[in-house]
Amino acid sequence: MKFFVSVALFFLFLNCFATAQTLIQDSCKTAASKDPTLKYDFCVQSLEQDPQSKTATTLEGLVLASITYAESKTTNTILKNKTYPPGTEPALSTCVELYDDANNSLNEALMNVKSADYKSANVDLSAASDEPGTCEDGFKETHAKSPITNENNVLFQKILIPLAFTNML
């Protein structure tokens, strides 16, 4: 009897995993078809690496997971790096503030999704998605080469995922 219960639980687990994987792929495909700046492969790979996203069974659950995942990328991203080239400190300082603003906007978006206020969540996510580009602009203004362009691009894509998903709710 134990064997049959174990087998049944195993197949139930596989079914849940397949459902979440299909939800991720289908949601990313739809979102990428509506927003050309969203990269389908990045969307799928990012969400399939996130434990919370892998267990989502609804689009709303996937939105909540993807916001939380994007939020995790705003904290300490800049401070994690080793040393930065001289002359980049003023722009980096501004970027730290911008990432903090993005984090606050993501927190607001999370609360708005939980209360089914998708329009407000969309506004919050739009605000958060502006911050990585504004960070890059700060380097251009000081004529310094940004040492965190990759981090800004990744953060932008991570925020773009839940932003595109909220347009589907």
C-alpha atoms as a PDB file:
ATOM      1  CA  MET A   1       0.000   0.000   0.000  1.00  0.00           C
ATOM      2  CA  LYS A   2       2.849   2.365   0.892  1.00  0.00           C
ATOM      3  CA  PHE A   3       4.318   1.811  -2.549  1.00  0.00           C
ATOM      4  CA  PHE A   4       1.109   2.878  -4.294  1.00  0.00           C
ATOM      5  CA  VAL A   5       0.820   6.001  -2.160  1.00  0.00           C
ATOM      6  CA  SER A   6       4.439   6.867  -2.943  1.00  0.00           C
ATOM      7  CA  VAL A   7       3.879   6.334  -6.659  1.00  0.00           C
ATOM      8  CA  ALA A   8       0.689   8.422  -6.587  1.00  0.00           C
ATOM      9  CA  LEU A   9       2.468  11.256  -4.762  1.00  0.00           C
ATOM     10  CA  PHE A  10       5.339  11.097  -7.220  1.00  0.00           C
ATOM     11  CA  PHE A  11       3.001  11.465 -10.205  1.00  0.00           C
ATOM     12  CA  LEU A  12       1.080  14.238  -8.451  1.00  0.00           C
ATOM     13  CA  PHE A  13       4.374  16.075  -7.941  1.00  0.00           C
ATOM     14  CA  LEU A  14       5.340  15.579 -11.594  1.00  0.00           C
ATOM     15  CA  ASN A  15       1.956  16.882 -12.706  1.00  0.00           C
ATOM     16  CA  CYS A  16       2.304  20.022 -10.535  1.00  0.00           C
ATOM     17  CA  PHE A  17       5.815  20.638 -11.871  1.00  0.00           C
ATOM     18  CA  ALA A  18       4.650  20.186 -15.471  1.00  0.00           C
ATOM     19  CA  THR A  19       1.713  22.548 -14.845  1.00  0.00           C
ATOM     20  CA  ALA A  20       3.998  25.252 -13.424  1.00  0.00           C
ATOM     21  CA  GLN A  21       6.484  24.797 -16.263  1.00  0.00           C
ATOM     22  CA  THR A  22       3.678  25.080 -18.839  1.00  0.00           C
ATOM     23  CA  LEU A  23       2.303  28.166 -17.048  1.00  0.00           C
ATOM     24  CA  ILE A  24       5.740  29.798 -17.156  1.00  0.00           C
ATOM     25  CA  GLN A  25       6.334  29.003 -20.814  1.00  0.00           C
ATOM     26  CA  ASP A  26       2.838  30.001 -21.934  1.00  0.00           C
ATOM     27  CA  SER A  27       2.848  33.212 -19.892  1.00  0.00           C
ATOM     28  CA  CYS A  28       6.289  34.221 -21.135  1.00  0.00           C
ATOM     29  CA  LYS A  29       5.277  33.459 -24.718  1.00  0.00           C
ATOM     30  CA  THR A  30       2.123  35.583 -24.505  1.00  0.00           C
ATOM     31  CA  ALA A  31       3.906  38.427 -22.707  1.00  0.00           C
ATOM     32  CA  ALA A  32       6.837  38.455 -25.142  1.00  0.00           C
ATOM     33  CA  SER A  33       4.466  38.507 -28.109  1.00  0.00           C
ATOM     34  CA  LYS A  34       2.804  41.632 -26.685  1.00  0.00           C
ATOM     35  CA  ASP A  35       5.985  43.376 -25.512  1.00  0.00           C
ATOM     36  CA  PRO A  36       8.974  43.232 -27.886  1.00  0.00           C
ATOM     37  CA  THR A  37      11.387  44.396 -25.154  1.00  0.00           C
ATOM     38  CA  LEU A  38      10.658  41.280 -23.087  1.00  0.00           C
ATOM     39  CA  LYS A  39      13.000  38.444 -24.019  1.00  0.00           C
ATOM     40  CA  TYR A  40      11.146  35.111 -24.048  1.00  0.00           C
ATOM     41  CA  ASP A  41      14.193  32.932 -23.281  1.00  0.00           C
ATOM     42  CA  PHE A  42      15.264  35.208 -20.420  1.00  0.00           C
ATOM     43  CA  CYS A  43      11.737  35.132 -19.010  1.00  0.00           C
ATOM     44  CA  VAL A  44      11.489  31.342 -19.049  1.00  0.00           C
ATOM     45  CA  GLN A  45      15.024  30.733 -17.744  1.00  0.00           C
ATOM     46  CA  SER A  46      14.640  33.270 -14.931  1.00  0.00           C
ATOM     47  CA  LEU A  47      11.329  31.939 -13.717  1.00  0.00           C
ATOM     48  CA  GLU A  48      12.330  28.296 -14.021  1.00  0.00           C
ATOM     49  CA  GLN A  49      15.312  29.051 -11.753  1.00  0.00           C
ATOM     50  CA  ASP A  50      13.080  30.647  -9.110  1.00  0.00           C
ATOM     51  CA  PRO A  51      11.625  28.110  -6.634  1.00  0.00           C
ATOM     52  CA  GLN A  52       8.546  30.250  -5.943  1.00  0.00           C
ATOM     53  CA  SER A  53       7.772  30.682  -9.653  1.00  0.00           C
ATOM     54  CA  LYS A  54       8.165  26.949 -10.266  1.00  0.00           C
ATOM     55  CA  THR A  55       5.325  26.234  -7.832  1.00  0.00           C
ATOM     56  CA  ALA A  56       2.890  28.864  -9.151  1.00  0.00           C
ATOM     57  CA  THR A  57      -0.357  27.416 -10.481  1.00  0.00           C
ATOM     58  CA  THR A  58      -2.044  30.628 -11.637  1.00  0.00           C
ATOM     59  CA  LEU A  59      -0.956  33.729 -13.501  1.00  0.00           C
ATOM     60  CA  GLU A  60      -1.545  35.801 -10.366  1.00  0.00           C
ATOM     61  CA  GLY A  61       0.720  33.446  -8.415  1.00  0.00           C
ATOM     62  CA  LEU A  62       3.334  33.802 -11.130  1.00  0.00           C
ATOM     63  CA  VAL A  63       3.039  37.606 -10.948  1.00  0.00           C
ATOM     64  CA  LEU A  64       3.563  37.543  -7.183  1.00  0.00           C
ATOM     65  CA  ALA A  65       6.545  35.210  -7.517  1.00  0.00           C
ATOM     66  CA  SER A  66       8.132  37.250 -10.313  1.00  0.00           C
ATOM     67  CA  ILE A  67       7.760  40.501  -8.360  1.00  0.00           C
ATOM     68  CA  THR A  68       9.416  38.903  -5.335  1.00  0.00           C
ATOM     69  CA  TYR A  69      12.177  37.541  -7.579  1.00  0.00           C
ATOM     70  CA  ALA A  70      12.772  40.978  -9.162  1.00  0.00           C
ATOM     71  CA  GLU A  71      12.773  42.547  -5.716  1.00  0.00           C
ATOM     72  CA  SER A  72      15.538  40.204  -4.595  1.00  0.00           C
ATOM     73  CA  LYS A  73      17.687  41.566  -7.434  1.00  0.00           C
ATOM     74  CA  THR A  74      17.349  45.183  -6.281  1.00  0.00           C
ATOM     75  CA  THR A  75      18.923  44.610  -2.902  1.00  0.00           C
ATOM     76  CA  ASN A  76      22.692  44.635  -2.665  1.00  0.00           C
ATOM     77  CA  THR A  77      23.191  44.252  -6.432  1.00  0.00           C
ATOM     78  CA  ILE A  78      25.432  47.290  -6.619  1.00  0.00           C
ATOM     79  CA  LEU A  79      27.069  46.851  -3.242  1.00  0.00           C
ATOM     80  CA  LYS A  80      27.938  43.192  -3.959  1.00  0.00           C
ATOM     81  CA  ASN A  81      30.474  44.121  -6.591  1.00  0.00           C
ATOM     82  CA  LYS A  82      34.077  44.454  -5.618  1.00  0.00           C
ATOM     83  CA  THR A  83      35.718  47.765  -6.409  1.00  0.00           C
ATOM     84  CA  TYR A  84      34.577  50.245  -8.998  1.00  0.00           C
ATOM     85  CA  PRO A  85      36.651  52.455 -11.280  1.00  0.00           C
ATOM     86  CA  PRO A  86      37.533  55.924 -10.007  1.00  0.00           C
ATOM     87  CA  GLY A  87      35.071  58.618 -11.042  1.00  0.00           C
ATOM     88  CA  THR A  88      32.037  56.327 -10.911  1.00  0.00           C
ATOM     89  CA  GLU A  89      31.211  56.909  -7.229  1.00  0.00           C
ATOM     90  CA  PRO A  90      28.701  59.775  -7.729  1.00  0.00           C
ATOM     91  CA  ALA A  91      26.693  57.841 -10.310  1.00  0.00           C
ATOM     92  CA  LEU A  92      26.885  54.637  -8.244  1.00  0.00           C
ATOM     93  CA  SER A  93      25.592  56.501  -5.222  1.00  0.00           C
ATOM     94  CA  THR A  94      22.636  57.690  -7.271  1.00  0.00           C
ATOM     95  CA  CYS A  95      22.081  54.134  -8.533  1.00  0.00           C
ATOM     96  CA  VAL A  96      21.889  52.843  -4.962  1.00  0.00           C
ATOM     97  CA  GLU A  97      19.083  55.346  -4.329  1.00  0.00           C
ATOM     98  CA  LEU A  98      17.361  54.395  -7.594  1.00  0.00           C
ATOM     99  CA  TYR A  99      17.526  50.689  -6.753  1.00  0.00           C
ATOM    100  CA  ASP A 100      16.045  51.508  -3.350  1.00  0.00           C
ATOM    101  CA  ASP A 101      13.222  53.364  -5.122  1.00  0.00           C
ATOM    102  CA  ALA A 102      12.703  50.366  -7.410  1.00  0.00           C
ATOM    103  CA  ASN A 103      12.543  48.111  -4.372  1.00  0.00           C
ATOM    104  CA  ASN A 104       9.886  50.348  -2.785  1.00  0.00           C
ATOM    105  CA  SER A 105       7.858  50.336  -6.014  1.00  0.00           C
ATOM    106  CA  LEU A 106       8.099  46.543  -6.199  1.00  0.00           C
ATOM    107  CA  ASN A 107       6.863  46.263  -2.604  1.00  0.00           C
ATOM    108  CA  GLU A 108       3.898  48.478  -3.496  1.00  0.00           C
ATOM    109  CA  ALA A 109       3.205  46.381  -6.591  1.00  0.00           C
ATOM    110  CA  LEU A 110       3.250  43.228  -4.474  1.00  0.00           C
ATOM    111  CA  MET A 111       0.660  44.662  -2.082  1.00  0.00           C
ATOM    112  CA  ASN A 112      -1.490  45.867  -4.982  1.00  0.00           C
ATOM    113  CA  VAL A 113      -1.473  42.468  -6.688  1.00  0.00           C
ATOM    114  CA  LYS A 114      -2.429  40.797  -3.401  1.00  0.00           C
ATOM    115  CA  SER A 115      -5.432  43.126  -3.191  1.00  0.00           C
ATOM    116  CA  ALA A 116      -6.258  42.540  -6.902  1.00  0.00           C
ATOM    117  CA  ASP A 117      -5.520  46.178  -7.798  1.00  0.00           C
ATOM    118  CA  TYR A 118      -3.687  45.288 -11.003  1.00  0.00           C
ATOM    119  CA  LYS A 119      -3.853  48.775 -12.479  1.00  0.00           C
ATOM    120  CA  SER A 120      -1.962  50.258  -9.516  1.00  0.00           C
ATOM    121  CA  ALA A 121       0.461  47.327  -9.558  1.00  0.00           C
ATOM    122  CA  ASN A 122       1.124  48.080 -13.215  1.00  0.00           C
ATOM    123  CA  VAL A 123       1.889  51.722 -12.395  1.00  0.00           C
ATOM    124  CA  ASP A 124       4.267  50.649  -9.604  1.00  0.00           C
ATOM    125  CA  LEU A 125       6.021  48.164 -11.872  1.00  0.00           C
ATOM    126  CA  SER A 126       6.361  50.793 -14.606  1.00  0.00           C
ATOM    127  CA  ALA A 127       8.015  53.121 -12.103  1.00  0.00           C
ATOM    128  CA  ALA A 128      10.381  50.366 -10.968  1.00  0.00           C
ATOM    129  CA  SER A 129      11.297  49.505 -14.562  1.00  0.00           C
ATOM    130  CA  ASP A 130      12.496  53.069 -15.183  1.00  0.00           C
ATOM    131  CA  GLU A 131      15.153  52.943 -12.468  1.00  0.00           C
ATOM    132  CA  PRO A 132      17.823  50.786 -14.172  1.00  0.00           C
ATOM    133  CA  GLY A 133      17.764  53.045 -17.260  1.00  0.00           C
ATOM    134  CA  THR A 134      17.932  56.151 -15.106  1.00  0.00           C
ATOM    135  CA  CYS A 135      20.915  54.612 -13.334  1.00  0.00           C
ATOM    136  CA  GLU A 136      22.666  54.102 -16.694  1.00  0.00           C
ATOM    137  CA  ASP A 137      21.856  57.700 -17.681  1.00  0.00           C
ATOM    138  CA  GLY A 138      23.709  58.905 -14.585  1.00  0.00           C
ATOM    139  CA  PHE A 139      26.944  57.455 -15.926  1.00  0.00           C
ATOM    140  CA  LYS A 140      26.423  59.076 -19.316  1.00  0.00           C
ATOM    141  CA  GLU A 141      25.927  62.456 -17.652  1.00  0.00           C
ATOM    142  CA  THR A 142      29.267  62.144 -15.863  1.00  0.00           C
ATOM    143  CA  HIS A 143      30.961  60.756 -19.010  1.00  0.00           C
ATOM    144  CA  ALA A 144      31.932  57.637 -17.068  1.00  0.00           C
ATOM    145  CA  LYS A 145      31.592  54.089 -18.354  1.00  0.00           C
ATOM    146  CA  SER A 146      29.004  52.236 -16.298  1.00  0.00           C
ATOM    147  CA  PRO A 147      30.492  49.248 -14.474  1.00  0.00           C
ATOM    148  CA  ILE A 148      26.993  47.867 -13.826  1.00  0.00           C
ATOM    149  CA  THR A 149      25.378  47.898 -17.283  1.00  0.00           C
ATOM    150  CA  ASN A 150      24.805  44.142 -17.161  1.00  0.00           C
ATOM    151  CA  GLU A 151      23.178  44.353 -13.715  1.00  0.00           C
ATOM    152  CA  ASN A 152      20.926  47.167 -14.924  1.00  0.00           C
ATOM    153  CA  ASN A 153      19.895  45.190 -18.017  1.00  0.00           C
ATOM    154  CA  VAL A 154      19.133  42.096 -15.944  1.00  0.00           C
ATOM    155  CA  LEU A 155      17.130  44.088 -13.402  1.00  0.00           C
ATOM    156  CA  PHE A 156      15.151  45.768 -16.193  1.00  0.00           C
ATOM    157  CA  GLN A 157      14.230  42.381 -17.679  1.00  0.00           C
ATOM    158  CA  LYS A 158      13.342  40.961 -14.249  1.00  0.00           C
ATOM    159  CA  ILE A 159      10.956  43.866 -13.625  1.00  0.00           C
ATOM    160  CA  LEU A 160       9.580  43.707 -17.161  1.00  0.00           C
ATOM    161  CA  ILE A 161       8.356  40.138 -16.561  1.00  0.00           C
ATOM    162  CA  PRO A 162       5.756  40.945 -13.862  1.00  0.00           C
ATOM    163  CA  LEU A 163       4.933  44.214 -15.638  1.00  0.00           C
ATOM    164  CA  ALA A 164       4.031  42.310 -18.803  1.00  0.00           C
ATOM    165  CA  PHE A 165       2.147  39.699 -16.775  1.00  0.00           C
ATOM    166  CA  THR A 166      -0.003  42.303 -15.005  1.00  0.00           C
ATOM    167  CA  ASN A 167      -1.176  43.445 -18.428  1.00  0.00           C
ATOM    168  CA  MET A 168      -2.540  39.908 -18.911  1.00  0.00           C
ATOM    169  CA  LEU A 169      -4.585  39.828 -15.675  1.00  0.00           C
END
